[in-house]
Amino acid sequence: MKRQLQSFLLTCSLVMMSAIASAAEPLPISDAHMHYNIETRSTWSPQRVIALWR
């Protein structure tokens, strides 16, 4: 009986998560990253890099 209840609750949870995921608005795909080495960290601050992405 306990095993059946666990299976039922798991199934309900999966169905609800699936419904929520399919109802969510799709997000755009983006690839926002920048490569730099130790020498350029002083020249390109994190704030400046973020400003370049905007």
Protein backbone atom coordinates (compact mmCIF):
# COMPACT_ATOMS: atom_id res chain seq x y z
CA MET A 1 0.00 0.00 0.00
CA LYS A 2 2.79 2.45 0.91
CA ARG A 3 4.62 1.61 -2.33
CA GLN A 4 1.47 2.30 -4.36
CA LEU A 5 1.02 5.67 -2.66
CA GLN A 6 4.63 6.61 -3.40
CA SER A 7 4.21 5.62 -7.05
CA PHE A 8 0.99 7.60 -7.29
CA LEU A 9 2.55 10.73 -5.76
CA LEU A 10 5.59 10.45 -8.02
CA THR A 11 3.36 10.12 -11.07
CA CYS A 12 1.29 13.14 -10.02
CA SER A 13 4.44 15.18 -9.46
CA LEU A 14 5.83 14.28 -12.87
CA VAL A 15 2.55 15.13 -14.59
CA MET A 16 2.38 18.52 -12.85
CA MET A 17 6.03 19.34 -13.65
CA SER A 18 5.45 18.37 -17.27
CA ALA A 19 2.38 20.62 -17.49
CA ILE A 20 4.26 23.54 -15.93
CA ALA A 21 7.24 23.06 -18.24
CA SER A 22 5.09 22.93 -21.37
CA ALA A 23 3.12 26.01 -20.29
CA ALA A 24 6.25 28.09 -19.72
CA GLU A 25 7.17 30.60 -22.37
CA PRO A 26 10.17 29.41 -24.41
CA LEU A 27 13.37 31.31 -23.74
CA PRO A 28 15.67 32.53 -26.49
CA ILE A 29 18.92 30.65 -26.90
CA SER A 30 21.98 32.76 -26.25
CA ASP A 31 25.66 32.15 -25.83
CA ALA A 32 27.08 35.05 -23.83
CA HIS A 33 30.58 34.45 -22.65
CA MET A 34 33.97 36.03 -23.10
CA HIS A 35 37.44 34.54 -22.86
CA TYR A 36 40.30 36.52 -21.44
CA ASN A 37 43.51 35.76 -19.64
CA ILE A 38 45.16 37.14 -16.50
CA GLU A 39 46.94 39.97 -18.34
CA THR A 40 43.69 41.53 -19.56
CA ARG A 41 41.76 41.32 -16.30
CA SER A 42 43.09 44.69 -15.18
CA THR A 43 42.11 46.28 -18.51
CA TRP A 44 38.65 44.66 -18.79
CA SER A 45 36.83 44.87 -15.49
CA PRO A 46 33.76 42.69 -14.96
CA GLN A 47 31.60 45.84 -15.15
CA ARG A 48 33.10 46.76 -18.52
CA VAL A 49 32.54 43.25 -19.86
CA ILE A 50 28.90 43.32 -18.76
CA ALA A 51 28.52 46.72 -20.40
CA LEU A 52 29.85 45.24 -23.68
CA TRP A 53 27.21 42.48 -23.57
CA ARG A 54 24.35 44.98 -23.34
